[in-house]
Amino acid sequence: MIKPLEKKDLPVWAQMCVDVYPDTTIEEMLSDYERGRFPDDYCHVIDGSITGFISLSVRHDYVNGTESSPVGYIEGIYVKNEYRKCGIARELIAFAKGWSREKGCREMASDCLLDNDDSLAFHTSVGFEEKERIICFAMTL
């Protein structure tokens, strides 16, 4: 079952986020949630236990590799190790497709780091096509 993230889910969700984004902390994730940063996060649940999550957004700015706007965007997706290879991520992707269509999107996009071979393999296995590779730059002023 896929359901919207609720306050009672936050401790498990925040730990999963830290697993995905090791440069953050549980406290930062909880603070960001309280500030409304994750209005479209959904959990996958089996027998009352959260097994994974997906964070979705609608992007109206240009999204690399797409031709339309708005675009449904997967900001993050994660399935706990013990639940992997069971089709949960595919369920989350199917949910994201429907969610994106409901939001008026004709395309859906995502990204991963250049060296994240596991994420690249996952994305291509669920139907994404690699469109471009970029290196981003920043400068402190």
N, C-alpha and C. Protein backbone atom coordinates (compact mmCIF):
# COMPACT_ATOMS: atom_id res chain seq x y z
N MET A 1 0.84 -1.18 0.00
CA MET A 1 0.00 0.00 0.00
C MET A 1 0.89 1.25 0.00
N ILE A 2 0.49 2.23 -0.77
CA ILE A 2 1.20 3.51 -0.80
C ILE A 2 0.28 4.56 -0.21
N LYS A 3 0.82 5.34 0.73
CA LYS A 3 0.02 6.36 1.40
C LYS A 3 0.86 7.61 1.62
N PRO A 4 0.19 8.75 1.80
CA PRO A 4 0.94 9.98 2.08
C PRO A 4 1.72 9.85 3.39
N LEU A 5 2.87 10.50 3.44
CA LEU A 5 3.67 10.55 4.67
C LEU A 5 2.87 11.25 5.75
N GLU A 6 2.84 10.67 6.95
CA GLU A 6 2.14 11.25 8.09
C GLU A 6 3.14 11.49 9.21
N LYS A 7 2.76 12.36 10.15
CA LYS A 7 3.65 12.68 11.27
C LYS A 7 4.16 11.43 11.99
N LYS A 8 3.29 10.44 12.17
CA LYS A 8 3.69 9.23 12.89
C LYS A 8 4.76 8.44 12.14
N ASP A 9 4.90 8.69 10.84
CA ASP A 9 5.88 7.99 10.01
C ASP A 9 7.26 8.65 10.04
N LEU A 10 7.34 9.85 10.59
CA LEU A 10 8.55 10.66 10.47
C LEU A 10 9.84 10.01 10.97
N PRO A 11 9.85 9.33 12.12
CA PRO A 11 11.13 8.76 12.57
C PRO A 11 11.71 7.75 11.57
N VAL A 12 10.87 6.86 11.04
CA VAL A 12 11.35 5.87 10.08
C VAL A 12 11.74 6.54 8.77
N TRP A 13 10.90 7.45 8.30
CA TRP A 13 11.17 8.19 7.06
C TRP A 13 12.49 8.97 7.16
N ALA A 14 12.69 9.67 8.27
CA ALA A 14 13.90 10.48 8.43
C ALA A 14 15.15 9.59 8.40
N GLN A 15 15.09 8.42 9.02
CA GLN A 15 16.24 7.51 8.99
C GLN A 15 16.50 7.02 7.57
N MET A 16 15.46 6.72 6.82
CA MET A 16 15.64 6.29 5.43
C MET A 16 16.26 7.43 4.61
N CYS A 17 15.83 8.67 4.87
CA CYS A 17 16.40 9.81 4.15
C CYS A 17 17.90 9.93 4.41
N VAL A 18 18.31 9.71 5.65
CA VAL A 18 19.73 9.75 5.98
C VAL A 18 20.49 8.63 5.26
N ASP A 19 19.84 7.49 5.09
CA ASP A 19 20.45 6.40 4.32
C ASP A 19 20.68 6.81 2.87
N VAL A 20 19.72 7.57 2.32
CA VAL A 20 19.83 8.03 0.93
C VAL A 20 20.80 9.20 0.82
N TYR A 21 20.69 10.13 1.75
CA TYR A 21 21.47 11.38 1.72
C TYR A 21 22.37 11.44 2.94
N PRO A 22 23.50 10.74 2.92
CA PRO A 22 24.34 10.64 4.13
C PRO A 22 24.95 11.96 4.60
N ASP A 23 24.87 13.01 3.79
CA ASP A 23 25.40 14.31 4.22
C ASP A 23 24.40 15.10 5.05
N THR A 24 23.25 14.51 5.34
CA THR A 24 22.24 15.18 6.15
C THR A 24 22.07 14.43 7.46
N THR A 25 21.25 14.99 8.34
CA THR A 25 20.98 14.34 9.63
C THR A 25 19.47 14.14 9.79
N ILE A 26 19.11 13.29 10.72
CA ILE A 26 17.70 13.08 11.03
C ILE A 26 17.07 14.40 11.45
N GLU A 27 17.77 15.16 12.27
CA GLU A 27 17.25 16.43 12.76
C GLU A 27 16.98 17.39 11.61
N GLU A 28 17.90 17.45 10.64
CA GLU A 28 17.70 18.33 9.47
C GLU A 28 16.48 17.90 8.66
N MET A 29 16.32 16.60 8.47
CA MET A 29 15.18 16.11 7.71
C MET A 29 13.87 16.44 8.42
N LEU A 30 13.83 16.23 9.73
CA LEU A 30 12.61 16.54 10.49
C LEU A 30 12.32 18.03 10.47
N SER A 31 13.35 18.86 10.57
CA SER A 31 13.17 20.31 10.50
C SER A 31 12.65 20.72 9.12
N ASP A 32 13.22 20.15 8.07
CA ASP A 32 12.75 20.46 6.72
C ASP A 32 11.30 20.04 6.54
N TYR A 33 10.93 18.90 7.10
CA TYR A 33 9.54 18.44 7.01
C TYR A 33 8.62 19.44 7.70
N GLU A 34 9.00 19.87 8.90
CA GLU A 34 8.17 20.81 9.65
C GLU A 34 8.01 22.14 8.90
N ARG A 35 8.99 22.51 8.11
CA ARG A 35 8.93 23.75 7.32
C ARG A 35 8.17 23.55 6.01
N GLY A 36 7.62 22.36 5.79
CA GLY A 36 6.81 22.11 4.61
C GLY A 36 7.58 21.74 3.36
N ARG A 37 8.82 21.30 3.51
CA ARG A 37 9.65 20.98 2.35
C ARG A 37 9.22 19.69 1.66
N PHE A 38 8.47 18.83 2.31
CA PHE A 38 8.13 17.53 1.74
C PHE A 38 6.62 17.32 1.68
N PRO A 39 5.89 18.18 0.95
CA PRO A 39 4.44 18.02 0.92
C PRO A 39 3.99 16.81 0.10
N ASP A 40 4.82 16.32 -0.78
CA ASP A 40 4.43 15.22 -1.66
C ASP A 40 5.36 14.03 -1.48
N ASP A 41 5.47 13.58 -0.24
CA ASP A 41 6.21 12.37 0.08
C ASP A 41 5.21 11.28 0.42
N TYR A 42 5.50 10.09 -0.07
CA TYR A 42 4.60 8.96 0.10
C TYR A 42 5.40 7.77 0.61
N CYS A 43 4.76 6.95 1.43
CA CYS A 43 5.39 5.77 2.00
C CYS A 43 4.76 4.51 1.43
N HIS A 44 5.58 3.50 1.27
CA HIS A 44 5.08 2.17 0.94
C HIS A 44 5.03 1.40 2.25
N VAL A 45 3.89 0.76 2.52
CA VAL A 45 3.68 0.09 3.80
C VAL A 45 3.25 -1.35 3.57
N ILE A 46 3.86 -2.26 4.33
CA ILE A 46 3.44 -3.66 4.36
C ILE A 46 3.21 -4.03 5.82
N ASP A 47 2.02 -4.54 6.12
CA ASP A 47 1.66 -4.96 7.48
C ASP A 47 1.99 -3.89 8.52
N GLY A 48 1.73 -2.64 8.19
CA GLY A 48 1.96 -1.55 9.13
C GLY A 48 3.38 -1.04 9.20
N SER A 49 4.31 -1.67 8.49
CA SER A 49 5.71 -1.24 8.51
C SER A 49 6.06 -0.48 7.22
N ILE A 50 6.74 0.63 7.39
CA ILE A 50 7.17 1.40 6.22
C ILE A 50 8.35 0.68 5.59
N THR A 51 8.23 0.40 4.31
CA THR A 51 9.27 -0.33 3.58
C THR A 51 10.08 0.57 2.67
N GLY A 52 9.53 1.73 2.33
CA GLY A 52 10.22 2.65 1.43
C GLY A 52 9.44 3.94 1.27
N PHE A 53 9.99 4.87 0.50
CA PHE A 53 9.31 6.14 0.26
C PHE A 53 9.66 6.67 -1.12
N ILE A 54 8.85 7.61 -1.57
CA ILE A 54 9.14 8.35 -2.79
C ILE A 54 8.77 9.80 -2.55
N SER A 55 9.66 10.71 -2.97
CA SER A 55 9.42 12.15 -2.89
C SER A 55 9.18 12.67 -4.29
N LEU A 56 8.06 13.34 -4.47
CA LEU A 56 7.67 13.81 -5.79
C LEU A 56 7.50 15.32 -5.81
N SER A 57 7.72 15.91 -6.97
CA SER A 57 7.44 17.32 -7.17
C SER A 57 7.00 17.53 -8.61
N VAL A 58 6.44 18.69 -8.85
CA VAL A 58 6.14 19.12 -10.21
C VAL A 58 7.07 20.29 -10.49
N ARG A 59 7.88 20.14 -11.51
CA ARG A 59 8.81 21.20 -11.89
C ARG A 59 8.27 21.93 -13.12
N HIS A 60 8.24 23.25 -13.01
CA HIS A 60 7.77 24.08 -14.11
C HIS A 60 8.93 24.72 -14.86
N ASP A 61 10.10 24.74 -14.25
CA ASP A 61 11.29 25.25 -14.92
C ASP A 61 11.79 24.17 -15.90
N TYR A 62 12.81 24.49 -16.66
CA TYR A 62 13.36 23.50 -17.60
C TYR A 62 13.94 22.32 -16.84
N VAL A 63 13.60 21.13 -17.28
CA VAL A 63 14.15 19.90 -16.70
C VAL A 63 14.99 19.24 -17.79
N ASN A 64 16.27 19.02 -17.51
CA ASN A 64 17.19 18.44 -18.48
C ASN A 64 16.60 17.18 -19.10
N GLY A 65 16.65 17.12 -20.43
CA GLY A 65 16.23 15.94 -21.16
C GLY A 65 14.75 15.85 -21.46
N THR A 66 13.97 16.85 -21.03
CA THR A 66 12.53 16.81 -21.29
C THR A 66 12.14 17.83 -22.35
N GLU A 67 10.93 17.65 -22.87
CA GLU A 67 10.45 18.54 -23.93
C GLU A 67 9.17 19.28 -23.56
N SER A 68 8.63 19.03 -22.38
CA SER A 68 7.37 19.65 -22.00
C SER A 68 7.49 20.27 -20.61
N SER A 69 6.43 20.97 -20.23
CA SER A 69 6.34 21.54 -18.90
C SER A 69 4.85 21.62 -18.56
N PRO A 70 4.49 21.27 -17.36
CA PRO A 70 5.32 20.85 -16.23
C PRO A 70 5.77 19.39 -16.36
N VAL A 71 6.72 19.02 -15.50
CA VAL A 71 7.29 17.67 -15.49
C VAL A 71 7.18 17.11 -14.08
N GLY A 72 6.67 15.90 -13.96
CA GLY A 72 6.70 15.21 -12.67
C GLY A 72 8.14 14.82 -12.38
N TYR A 73 8.58 15.04 -11.15
CA TYR A 73 9.99 14.81 -10.84
C TYR A 73 10.12 13.93 -9.59
N ILE A 74 10.93 12.91 -9.71
CA ILE A 74 11.24 12.06 -8.55
C ILE A 74 12.44 12.68 -7.85
N GLU A 75 12.18 13.28 -6.73
CA GLU A 75 13.23 13.93 -5.94
C GLU A 75 14.03 12.91 -5.14
N GLY A 76 13.41 11.81 -4.82
CA GLY A 76 14.08 10.76 -4.07
C GLY A 76 13.21 9.52 -4.03
N ILE A 77 13.85 8.38 -4.01
CA ILE A 77 13.13 7.10 -3.87
C ILE A 77 14.05 6.17 -3.10
N TYR A 78 13.45 5.39 -2.20
CA TYR A 78 14.26 4.49 -1.37
C TYR A 78 13.41 3.32 -0.91
N VAL A 79 14.01 2.15 -0.92
CA VAL A 79 13.39 0.94 -0.36
C VAL A 79 14.42 0.33 0.59
N LYS A 80 13.96 -0.01 1.79
CA LYS A 80 14.86 -0.64 2.77
C LYS A 80 15.47 -1.91 2.18
N ASN A 81 16.72 -2.18 2.56
CA ASN A 81 17.46 -3.33 2.02
C ASN A 81 16.68 -4.63 2.08
N GLU A 82 16.04 -4.90 3.20
CA GLU A 82 15.36 -6.18 3.37
C GLU A 82 14.11 -6.33 2.50
N TYR A 83 13.67 -5.23 1.87
CA TYR A 83 12.49 -5.28 1.00
C TYR A 83 12.83 -5.11 -0.48
N ARG A 84 14.11 -5.01 -0.78
CA ARG A 84 14.50 -4.82 -2.18
C ARG A 84 14.30 -6.11 -2.98
N LYS A 85 14.17 -5.94 -4.28
CA LYS A 85 13.97 -7.06 -5.23
C LYS A 85 12.60 -7.72 -5.03
N CYS A 86 11.64 -6.96 -4.46
CA CYS A 86 10.28 -7.47 -4.24
C CYS A 86 9.25 -6.71 -5.07
N GLY A 87 9.69 -5.75 -5.89
CA GLY A 87 8.77 -4.98 -6.73
C GLY A 87 8.25 -3.71 -6.09
N ILE A 88 8.72 -3.39 -4.89
CA ILE A 88 8.23 -2.18 -4.21
C ILE A 88 8.62 -0.92 -4.97
N ALA A 89 9.84 -0.84 -5.42
CA ALA A 89 10.27 0.35 -6.16
C ALA A 89 9.45 0.52 -7.44
N ARG A 90 9.15 -0.57 -8.10
CA ARG A 90 8.30 -0.50 -9.30
C ARG A 90 6.90 0.00 -8.95
N GLU A 91 6.38 -0.42 -7.80
CA GLU A 91 5.08 0.09 -7.34
C GLU A 91 5.15 1.59 -7.11
N LEU A 92 6.23 2.03 -6.49
CA LEU A 92 6.40 3.46 -6.23
C LEU A 92 6.50 4.25 -7.54
N ILE A 93 7.19 3.70 -8.52
CA ILE A 93 7.30 4.35 -9.83
C ILE A 93 5.94 4.40 -10.51
N ALA A 94 5.19 3.31 -10.47
CA ALA A 94 3.85 3.30 -11.06
C ALA A 94 2.96 4.35 -10.39
N PHE A 95 3.07 4.46 -9.09
CA PHE A 95 2.33 5.48 -8.35
C PHE A 95 2.74 6.87 -8.84
N ALA A 96 4.05 7.10 -8.98
CA ALA A 96 4.57 8.40 -9.42
C ALA A 96 4.06 8.76 -10.81
N LYS A 97 3.96 7.78 -11.69
CA LYS A 97 3.43 8.04 -13.03
C LYS A 97 1.99 8.54 -12.95
N GLY A 98 1.17 7.86 -12.19
CA GLY A 98 -0.23 8.28 -12.04
C GLY A 98 -0.33 9.64 -11.38
N TRP A 99 0.46 9.86 -10.35
CA TRP A 99 0.48 11.15 -9.64
C TRP A 99 0.86 12.25 -10.61
N SER A 100 1.89 12.03 -11.43
CA SER A 100 2.35 13.04 -12.39
C SER A 100 1.27 13.34 -13.43
N ARG A 101 0.62 12.29 -13.94
CA ARG A 101 -0.47 12.51 -14.90
C ARG A 101 -1.58 13.34 -14.29
N GLU A 102 -1.93 13.04 -13.03
CA GLU A 102 -2.99 13.81 -12.35
C GLU A 102 -2.62 15.27 -12.20
N LYS A 103 -1.33 15.57 -12.15
CA LYS A 103 -0.85 16.95 -12.01
C LYS A 103 -0.71 17.63 -13.37
N GLY A 104 -1.10 16.95 -14.45
CA GLY A 104 -1.04 17.55 -15.78
C GLY A 104 0.28 17.38 -16.50
N CYS A 105 1.09 16.46 -16.05
CA CYS A 105 2.41 16.24 -16.65
C CYS A 105 2.33 15.19 -17.76
N ARG A 106 3.09 15.41 -18.82
CA ARG A 106 3.21 14.42 -19.88
C ARG A 106 4.53 13.67 -19.80
N GLU A 107 5.44 14.16 -18.96
CA GLU A 107 6.75 13.52 -18.79
C GLU A 107 7.07 13.46 -17.30
N MET A 108 7.94 12.51 -16.98
CA MET A 108 8.46 12.38 -15.63
C MET A 108 9.97 12.26 -15.74
N ALA A 109 10.67 12.82 -14.78
CA ALA A 109 12.13 12.81 -14.82
C ALA A 109 12.69 12.53 -13.43
N SER A 110 13.98 12.29 -13.39
CA SER A 110 14.70 12.01 -12.16
C SER A 110 16.18 12.27 -12.42
N ASP A 111 17.01 12.04 -11.44
CA ASP A 111 18.45 12.20 -11.65
C ASP A 111 19.20 11.32 -10.66
N CYS A 112 20.49 11.19 -10.89
CA CYS A 112 21.37 10.53 -9.92
C CYS A 112 22.78 11.07 -10.14
N LEU A 113 23.63 10.85 -9.19
CA LEU A 113 25.01 11.28 -9.31
C LEU A 113 25.72 10.45 -10.39
N LEU A 114 26.73 11.05 -11.00
CA LEU A 114 27.43 10.39 -12.10
C LEU A 114 28.02 9.04 -11.73
N ASP A 115 28.43 8.89 -10.47
CA ASP A 115 29.08 7.64 -10.07
C ASP A 115 28.14 6.66 -9.35
N ASN A 116 26.83 6.94 -9.37
CA ASN A 116 25.87 6.07 -8.68
C ASN A 116 25.35 5.02 -9.66
N ASP A 117 26.14 3.98 -9.86
CA ASP A 117 25.79 2.93 -10.82
C ASP A 117 24.52 2.17 -10.42
N ASP A 118 24.28 2.00 -9.12
CA ASP A 118 23.07 1.31 -8.68
C ASP A 118 21.82 2.10 -9.07
N SER A 119 21.86 3.40 -8.86
CA SER A 119 20.72 4.24 -9.21
C SER A 119 20.51 4.28 -10.72
N LEU A 120 21.59 4.36 -11.46
CA LEU A 120 21.50 4.35 -12.92
C LEU A 120 20.84 3.06 -13.40
N ALA A 121 21.29 1.93 -12.86
CA ALA A 121 20.71 0.63 -13.25
C ALA A 121 19.23 0.56 -12.88
N PHE A 122 18.88 1.06 -11.70
CA PHE A 122 17.48 1.06 -11.30
C PHE A 122 16.64 1.89 -12.25
N HIS A 123 17.07 3.13 -12.50
CA HIS A 123 16.28 4.01 -13.36
C HIS A 123 16.05 3.40 -14.74
N THR A 124 17.08 2.83 -15.32
CA THR A 124 16.89 2.24 -16.65
C THR A 124 16.01 1.00 -16.57
N SER A 125 16.07 0.26 -15.46
CA SER A 125 15.25 -0.95 -15.34
C SER A 125 13.75 -0.65 -15.21
N VAL A 126 13.41 0.56 -14.76
CA VAL A 126 11.99 0.91 -14.61
C VAL A 126 11.49 1.79 -15.76
N GLY A 127 12.32 1.95 -16.80
CA GLY A 127 11.85 2.63 -18.00
C GLY A 127 12.39 4.01 -18.30
N PHE A 128 13.22 4.54 -17.43
CA PHE A 128 13.83 5.84 -17.73
C PHE A 128 14.91 5.66 -18.79
N GLU A 129 15.10 6.69 -19.60
CA GLU A 129 16.19 6.72 -20.58
C GLU A 129 17.18 7.79 -20.14
N GLU A 130 18.46 7.45 -20.16
CA GLU A 130 19.46 8.46 -19.85
C GLU A 130 19.46 9.49 -20.97
N LYS A 131 19.39 10.77 -20.60
CA LYS A 131 19.31 11.85 -21.58
C LYS A 131 20.59 12.67 -21.68
N GLU A 132 21.20 12.98 -20.57
CA GLU A 132 22.44 13.76 -20.58
C GLU A 132 23.21 13.53 -19.30
N ARG A 133 24.46 13.89 -19.34
CA ARG A 133 25.30 13.88 -18.14
C ARG A 133 25.88 15.27 -18.00
N ILE A 134 25.88 15.78 -16.76
CA ILE A 134 26.40 17.12 -16.55
C ILE A 134 27.30 17.13 -15.31
N ILE A 135 28.12 18.13 -15.27
CA ILE A 135 28.91 18.45 -14.09
C ILE A 135 28.51 19.86 -13.72
N CYS A 136 28.10 20.06 -12.49
CA CYS A 136 27.64 21.37 -12.03
C CYS A 136 28.78 22.10 -11.32
N PHE A 137 28.80 23.41 -11.45
CA PHE A 137 29.83 24.22 -10.84
C PHE A 137 29.20 25.27 -9.93
N ALA A 138 29.94 25.69 -8.92
CA ALA A 138 29.50 26.75 -8.02
C ALA A 138 30.73 27.53 -7.57
N MET A 139 30.50 28.73 -7.12
CA MET A 139 31.59 29.59 -6.67
C MET A 139 31.10 30.41 -5.48
N THR A 140 31.87 30.46 -4.43
CA THR A 140 31.55 31.30 -3.28
C THR A 140 31.95 32.72 -3.62
N LEU A 141 31.06 33.65 -3.33
CA LEU A 141 31.35 35.06 -3.61
C LEU A 141 31.62 35.83 -2.34
